[in-house]
C-alpha atoms as a PDB file:
ATOM      1  CA  MET A   1      51.112 -30.123-115.383  1.00  0.00           C
ATOM      2  CA  GLN A   2      50.962 -32.680-112.601  1.00  0.00           C
ATOM      3  CA  LYS A   3      47.890 -34.922-112.386  1.00  0.00           C
ATOM      4  CA  LYS A   4      46.082 -35.083-109.075  1.00  0.00           C
ATOM      5  CA  SER A   5      43.720 -37.761-107.921  1.00  0.00           C
ATOM      6  CA  LEU A   6      40.708 -37.678-105.681  1.00  0.00           C
ATOM      7  CA  THR A   7      39.051 -40.602-103.946  1.00  0.00           C
ATOM      8  CA  LEU A   8      35.501 -40.390-102.647  1.00  0.00           C
ATOM      9  CA  GLN A   9      33.648 -42.944-100.580  1.00  0.00           C
ATOM     10  CA  VAL A  10      29.952 -43.549-101.044  1.00  0.00           C
ATOM     11  CA  ARG A  11      27.518 -45.656 -99.040  1.00  0.00           C
ATOM     12  CA  SER A  12      25.621 -47.293-101.861  1.00  0.00           C
ATOM     13  CA  GLU A  13      25.513 -48.108-105.531  1.00  0.00           C
ATOM     14  CA  ALA A  14      22.843 -45.428-106.010  1.00  0.00           C
ATOM     15  CA  GLU A  15      25.166 -42.777-104.540  1.00  0.00           C
ATOM     16  CA  ALA A  16      28.013 -44.016-106.761  1.00  0.00           C
ATOM     17  CA  ARG A  17      25.824 -43.602-109.866  1.00  0.00           C
ATOM     18  CA  GLU A  18      24.675 -40.172-108.702  1.00  0.00           C
ATOM     19  CA  LEU A  19      28.294 -39.077-108.192  1.00  0.00           C
ATOM     20  CA  GLN A  20      29.343 -40.537-111.558  1.00  0.00           C
ATOM     21  CA  ASP A  21      26.488 -38.691-113.312  1.00  0.00           C
ATOM     22  CA  ALA A  22      27.415 -35.409-111.615  1.00  0.00           C
ATOM     23  CA  TRP A  23      31.068 -35.876-112.627  1.00  0.00           C
ATOM     24  CA  GLN A  24      30.072 -36.571-116.243  1.00  0.00           C
ATOM     25  CA  GLU A  25      28.051 -33.340-116.302  1.00  0.00           C
ATOM     26  CA  ILE A  26      31.010 -31.376-114.919  1.00  0.00           C
ATOM     27  CA  VAL A  27      33.545 -32.857-117.339  1.00  0.00           C
ATOM     28  CA  SER A  28      31.342 -32.664-120.430  1.00  0.00           C
ATOM     29  CA  GLY A  29      29.649 -29.388-119.590  1.00  0.00           C
ATOM     30  CA  LYS A  30      26.372 -30.956-120.734  1.00  0.00           C
ATOM     31  CA  LYS A  31      23.349 -32.110-118.821  1.00  0.00           C
ATOM     32  CA  LEU A  32      22.719 -35.829-118.823  1.00  0.00           C
ATOM     33  CA  VAL A  33      19.771 -37.326-120.604  1.00  0.00           C
ATOM     34  CA  ARG A  34      16.859 -36.434-118.325  1.00  0.00           C
ATOM     35  CA  ALA A  35      15.260 -39.898-118.042  1.00  0.00           C
ATOM     36  CA  ALA A  36      18.490 -41.600-116.972  1.00  0.00           C
ATOM     37  CA  ALA A  37      19.293 -38.840-114.509  1.00  0.00           C
ATOM     38  CA  LEU A  38      15.795 -39.029-113.040  1.00  0.00           C
ATOM     39  CA  GLU A  39      16.008 -42.798-112.642  1.00  0.00           C
ATOM     40  CA  HIS A  40      19.385 -42.578-110.900  1.00  0.00           C
ATOM     41  CA  GLY A  41      18.055 -39.687-108.807  1.00  0.00           C
ATOM     42  CA  THR A  42      15.007 -41.691-107.738  1.00  0.00           C
ATOM     43  CA  GLU A  43      17.185 -44.651-106.774  1.00  0.00           C
ATOM     44  CA  ALA A  44      19.394 -42.353-104.699  1.00  0.00           C
ATOM     45  CA  ILE A  45      16.361 -40.822-102.989  1.00  0.00           C
ATOM     46  CA  MET A  46      15.026 -44.285-102.174  1.00  0.00           C
ATOM     47  CA  GLU A  47      18.376 -45.410-100.782  1.00  0.00           C
ATOM     48  CA  ARG A  48      18.687 -42.306 -98.589  1.00  0.00           C
ATOM     49  CA  ALA A  49      15.127 -42.877 -97.349  1.00  0.00           C
ATOM     50  CA  ARG A  50      15.927 -46.479 -96.413  1.00  0.00           C
ATOM     51  CA  VAL A  51      18.884 -45.312 -94.346  1.00  0.00           C
ATOM     52  CA  ALA A  52      16.886 -42.396 -92.913  1.00  0.00           C
ATOM     53  CA  ILE A  53      13.995 -44.515 -91.628  1.00  0.00           C
ATOM     54  CA  GLY A  54      16.527 -46.736 -89.860  1.00  0.00           C
ATOM     55  CA  VAL A  55      18.096 -43.705 -88.171  1.00  0.00           C
ATOM     56  CA  ILE A  56      14.662 -42.442 -87.087  1.00  0.00           C
ATOM     57  CA  GLU A  57      13.523 -45.842 -85.751  1.00  0.00           C
ATOM     58  CA  ARG A  58      16.768 -46.389 -83.879  1.00  0.00           C
ATOM     59  CA  ALA A  59      16.525 -42.976 -82.204  1.00  0.00           C
ATOM     60  CA  ILE A  60      12.945 -43.653 -81.051  1.00  0.00           C
ATOM     61  CA  ARG A  61      13.758 -47.138 -79.750  1.00  0.00           C
ATOM     62  CA  GLU A  62      17.073 -46.288 -78.076  1.00  0.00           C
ATOM     63  CA  HIS A  63      16.000 -42.961 -76.531  1.00  0.00           C
ATOM     64  CA  PRO A  64      12.242 -43.258 -75.988  1.00  0.00           C
ATOM     65  CA  THR A  65      11.995 -40.688 -73.178  1.00  0.00           C
ATOM     66  CA  THR A  66      13.629 -37.794 -75.046  1.00  0.00           C
ATOM     67  CA  SER A  67      11.805 -34.886 -76.630  1.00  0.00           C
ATOM     68  CA  GLN A  68      13.513 -35.844 -79.899  1.00  0.00           C
ATOM     69  CA  ALA A  69      11.727 -39.209 -79.878  1.00  0.00           C
ATOM     70  CA  GLY A  70       8.400 -37.420 -79.437  1.00  0.00           C
ATOM     71  CA  ARG A  71       9.166 -35.107 -82.340  1.00  0.00           C
ATOM     72  CA  LEU A  72      10.144 -38.060 -84.510  1.00  0.00           C
ATOM     73  CA  VAL A  73       6.910 -39.896 -83.715  1.00  0.00           C
ATOM     74  CA  ARG A  74       4.896 -36.760 -84.557  1.00  0.00           C
ATOM     75  CA  PHE A  75       6.847 -36.509 -87.817  1.00  0.00           C
ATOM     76  CA  LEU A  76       6.083 -40.146 -88.702  1.00  0.00           C
ATOM     77  CA  ALA A  77       2.416 -39.678 -87.752  1.00  0.00           C
ATOM     78  CA  ALA A  78       2.192 -36.696 -90.120  1.00  0.00           C
ATOM     79  CA  ILE A  79       3.864 -38.656 -92.927  1.00  0.00           C
ATOM     80  CA  TYR A  80       1.420 -41.498 -92.213  1.00  0.00           C
ATOM     81  CA  ASN A  81      -1.686 -39.292 -92.184  1.00  0.00           C
ATOM     82  CA  GLY A  82      -1.027 -35.578 -92.598  1.00  0.00           C
ATOM     83  CA  TYR A  83      -4.709 -34.719 -92.564  1.00  0.00           C
ATOM     84  CA  ASP A  84      -5.225 -36.042 -89.046  1.00  0.00           C
ATOM     85  CA  PHE A  85      -1.734 -35.442 -87.649  1.00  0.00           C
ATOM     86  CA  SER A  86      -0.119 -32.135 -88.465  1.00  0.00           C
ATOM     87  CA  PHE A  87       3.594 -31.476 -87.978  1.00  0.00           C
ATOM     88  CA  ASP A  88       5.238 -28.077 -87.795  1.00  0.00           C
ATOM     89  CA  LEU A  89       8.444 -28.355 -89.822  1.00  0.00           C
ATOM     90  CA  THR A  90      10.151 -25.844 -87.523  1.00  0.00           C
ATOM     91  CA  GLU A  91      10.277 -28.711 -84.996  1.00  0.00           C
ATOM     92  CA  LEU A  92      13.092 -30.144 -87.114  1.00  0.00           C
ATOM     93  CA  ARG A  93      15.278 -27.325 -85.760  1.00  0.00           C
ATOM     94  CA  ALA A  94      15.208 -28.948 -82.313  1.00  0.00           C
ATOM     95  CA  LEU A  95      16.515 -32.271 -83.627  1.00  0.00           C
ATOM     96  CA  ASP A  96      20.143 -33.303 -83.847  1.00  0.00           C
ATOM     97  CA  THR A  97      21.552 -32.679 -87.327  1.00  0.00           C
ATOM     98  CA  GLU A  98      21.598 -36.393 -88.183  1.00  0.00           C
ATOM     99  CA  LEU A  99      17.933 -36.796 -87.183  1.00  0.00           C
ATOM    100  CA  ALA A 100      16.796 -33.623 -88.955  1.00  0.00           C
ATOM    101  CA  ASN A 101      18.564 -34.751 -92.124  1.00  0.00           C
ATOM    102  CA  ALA A 102      17.011 -38.204 -91.813  1.00  0.00           C
ATOM    103  CA  CYS A 103      13.550 -36.607 -91.617  1.00  0.00           C
ATOM    104  CA  LEU A 104      14.265 -34.469 -94.675  1.00  0.00           C
ATOM    105  CA  ASP A 105      15.586 -37.458 -96.608  1.00  0.00           C
ATOM    106  CA  TYR A 106      12.474 -39.458 -95.769  1.00  0.00           C
ATOM    107  CA  LEU A 107      10.194 -36.513 -96.588  1.00  0.00           C
ATOM    108  CA  ASN A 108      11.906 -36.224 -99.963  1.00  0.00           C
ATOM    109  CA  TYR A 109      11.157 -39.888-100.599  1.00  0.00           C
ATOM    110  CA  ASP A 110       7.563 -39.571 -99.374  1.00  0.00           C
ATOM    111  CA  ARG A 111       6.784 -36.940-102.014  1.00  0.00           C
ATOM    112  CA  LEU A 112       7.309 -39.676-104.633  1.00  0.00           C
ATOM    113  CA  ALA A 113       4.249 -41.456-103.163  1.00  0.00           C
ATOM    114  CA  LYS A 114       5.745 -44.890-103.797  1.00  0.00           C
ATOM    115  CA  ARG A 115       4.947 -46.587-100.492  1.00  0.00           C
ATOM    116  CA  GLU A 116       3.412 -45.611 -97.146  1.00  0.00           C
ATOM    117  CA  VAL A 117       5.732 -45.033 -94.201  1.00  0.00           C
ATOM    118  CA  HIS A 118       4.363 -47.870 -92.064  1.00  0.00           C
ATOM    119  CA  HIS A 119       5.522 -50.348 -94.734  1.00  0.00           C
ATOM    120  CA  HIS A 120       9.103 -49.211 -94.120  1.00  0.00           C
ATOM    121  CA  LEU A 121       9.022 -49.535 -90.340  1.00  0.00           C
ATOM    122  CA  ALA A 122      10.321 -52.786 -88.892  1.00  0.00           C
ATOM    123  CA  GLY A 123       7.208 -53.109 -86.702  1.00  0.00           C
ATOM    124  CA  GLY A 124       4.846 -51.958 -89.458  1.00  0.00           C
ATOM    125  CA  ASP A 125       1.511 -50.258 -88.901  1.00  0.00           C
ATOM    126  CA  ARG A 126       1.042 -51.863 -85.481  1.00  0.00           C
ATOM    127  CA  GLU A 127       4.225 -50.310 -84.092  1.00  0.00           C
ATOM    128  CA  LEU A 128       3.448 -46.900 -85.570  1.00  0.00           C
ATOM    129  CA  GLN A 129      -0.034 -46.964 -83.997  1.00  0.00           C
ATOM    130  CA  GLU A 130       1.548 -47.910 -80.637  1.00  0.00           C
ATOM    131  CA  TRP A 131       4.005 -45.024 -80.871  1.00  0.00           C
ATOM    132  CA  ILE A 132       1.203 -42.600 -81.756  1.00  0.00           C
ATOM    133  CA  ARG A 133      -0.732 -43.819 -78.715  1.00  0.00           C
ATOM    134  CA  ASP A 134       2.278 -43.986 -76.352  1.00  0.00           C
ATOM    135  CA  TYR A 135       3.494 -40.501 -77.278  1.00  0.00           C
ATOM    136  CA  GLN A 136      -0.070 -39.172 -77.093  1.00  0.00           C
ATOM    137  CA  VAL A 137      -0.043 -37.740 -80.606  1.00  0.00           C
ATOM    138  CA  GLU A 138      -3.555 -36.377 -80.904  1.00  0.00           C
ATOM    139  CA  PRO A 139      -5.304 -35.918 -84.228  1.00  0.00           C
ATOM    140  CA  ARG A 140      -6.144 -32.354 -85.158  1.00  0.00           C
ATOM    141  CA  LEU A 141      -9.518 -30.994 -84.181  1.00  0.00           C
ATOM    142  CA  THR A 142     -12.037 -30.944 -87.003  1.00  0.00           C
ATOM    143  CA  LEU A 143     -15.489 -29.523 -87.464  1.00  0.00           C
ATOM    144  CA  GLY A 144     -18.407 -31.195 -89.225  1.00  0.00           C
ATOM    145  CA  GLU A 145     -19.853 -29.785 -92.443  1.00  0.00           C
ATOM    146  CA  GLN A 146     -22.708 -27.970 -90.688  1.00  0.00           C
ATOM    147  CA  HIS A 147     -20.279 -26.314 -88.276  1.00  0.00           C
ATOM    148  CA  LEU A 148     -17.954 -25.285 -91.094  1.00  0.00           C
ATOM    149  CA  GLU A 149     -20.808 -23.755 -93.069  1.00  0.00           C
ATOM    150  CA  ALA A 150     -22.167 -21.888 -90.045  1.00  0.00           C
ATOM    151  CA  PHE A 151     -18.671 -20.677 -89.143  1.00  0.00           C
ATOM    152  CA  ALA A 152     -18.083 -19.425 -92.710  1.00  0.00           C
ATOM    153  CA  ARG A 153     -21.388 -17.504 -92.584  1.00  0.00           C
ATOM    154  CA  LEU A 154     -20.435 -16.013 -89.207  1.00  0.00           C
ATOM    155  CA  ILE A 155     -17.100 -14.807 -90.591  1.00  0.00           C
ATOM    156  CA  GLU A 156     -18.868 -13.255 -93.561  1.00  0.00           C
ATOM    157  CA  ASP A 157     -21.637 -11.683 -91.442  1.00  0.00           C
ATOM    158  CA  THR A 158     -19.343 -10.206 -88.789  1.00  0.00           C
ATOM    159  CA  GLY A 159     -16.313  -9.363 -90.925  1.00  0.00           C
ATOM    160  CA  ARG A 160     -14.098 -10.677 -88.099  1.00  0.00           C
ATOM    161  CA  SER A 161     -11.083 -12.904 -88.559  1.00  0.00           C
ATOM    162  CA  PRO A 162     -11.609 -16.661 -88.193  1.00  0.00           C
ATOM    163  CA  ASN A 163      -8.925 -16.849 -85.482  1.00  0.00           C
ATOM    164  CA  ASP A 164     -10.561 -14.109 -83.402  1.00  0.00           C
ATOM    165  CA  LEU A 165     -13.950 -15.817 -83.620  1.00  0.00           C
ATOM    166  CA  LEU A 166     -12.488 -19.199 -82.779  1.00  0.00           C
ATOM    167  CA  ARG A 167     -10.590 -17.831 -79.749  1.00  0.00           C
ATOM    168  CA  GLU A 168     -13.729 -16.087 -78.513  1.00  0.00           C
ATOM    169  CA  ALA A 169     -15.772 -19.294 -78.860  1.00  0.00           C
ATOM    170  CA  VAL A 170     -13.159 -21.375 -77.002  1.00  0.00           C
ATOM    171  CA  ASP A 171     -12.904 -18.732 -74.246  1.00  0.00           C
ATOM    172  CA  GLN A 172     -16.685 -18.820 -73.799  1.00  0.00           C
ATOM    173  CA  LEU A 173     -16.693 -22.606 -73.692  1.00  0.00           C
ATOM    174  CA  LEU A 174     -13.887 -22.698 -71.113  1.00  0.00           C
ATOM    175  CA  ASN A 175     -15.618 -20.088 -68.956  1.00  0.00           C
ATOM    176  CA  GLN A 176     -18.853 -22.069 -69.137  1.00  0.00           C
ATOM    177  CA  TYR A 177     -17.081 -25.180 -67.832  1.00  0.00           C
ATOM    178  CA  ARG A 178     -15.234 -23.219 -65.133  1.00  0.00           C
ATOM    179  CA  VAL A 179     -18.563 -21.912 -63.836  1.00  0.00           C
ATOM    180  CA  ARG A 180     -20.025 -25.430 -63.816  1.00  0.00           C
ATOM    181  CA  ALA A 181     -17.002 -26.796 -61.930  1.00  0.00           C
ATOM    182  CA  THR A 182     -17.228 -23.978 -59.375  1.00  0.00           C
ATOM    183  CA  ASP A 183     -20.956 -24.615 -58.891  1.00  0.00           C
ATOM    184  CA  ARG A 184     -20.299 -28.332 -58.340  1.00  0.00           C
ATOM    185  CA  HIS A 185     -17.712 -27.549 -55.661  1.00  0.00           C
ATOM    186  CA  LYS A 186     -20.206 -25.301 -53.852  1.00  0.00           C
ATOM    187  CA  ASP A 187     -22.724 -28.157 -53.764  1.00  0.00           C
ATOM    188  CA  ASP A 188     -20.212 -30.717 -52.398  1.00  0.00           C
ATOM    189  CA  PRO A 189     -20.476 -31.291 -48.617  1.00  0.00           C
END
């Protein structure tokens, strides 16, 4: 039997360890000791996140007027403060493969809750806040406690869906303002 060789290139020491661990599992047929595998896995995740944030930042800085830059800023805003800034993950479909993968790599790191995203950006929190402002990323609408309680009672009392009630309320509000605007135009000389 003739021996064959295979050479693989990796980008970092963490990837080399991850590959070595995977190879050991294949050859031995046994899972590695969990703690060592987790530590190597965490290092690999952190390394991929470091590369990923660089890819994301570079795309925003080099192509600031593209829709991809806007999506990336919304993604970073959601990582920064997901309660105020929501991000629909289906937006990743509209990104180039490299950018979508960078977002997923950074999201994988973020779940470890080791460090906030603005600490990884070259321009820090200040730059992230500027991007959020410049790209007009608006925080989600929220209701106060009294409104939430009243809305919950209304849903219960009427048996209607929350979305239907909310749409009806917004339609009424918009109509109210349309009428006011029309009345103002009538009064203008």
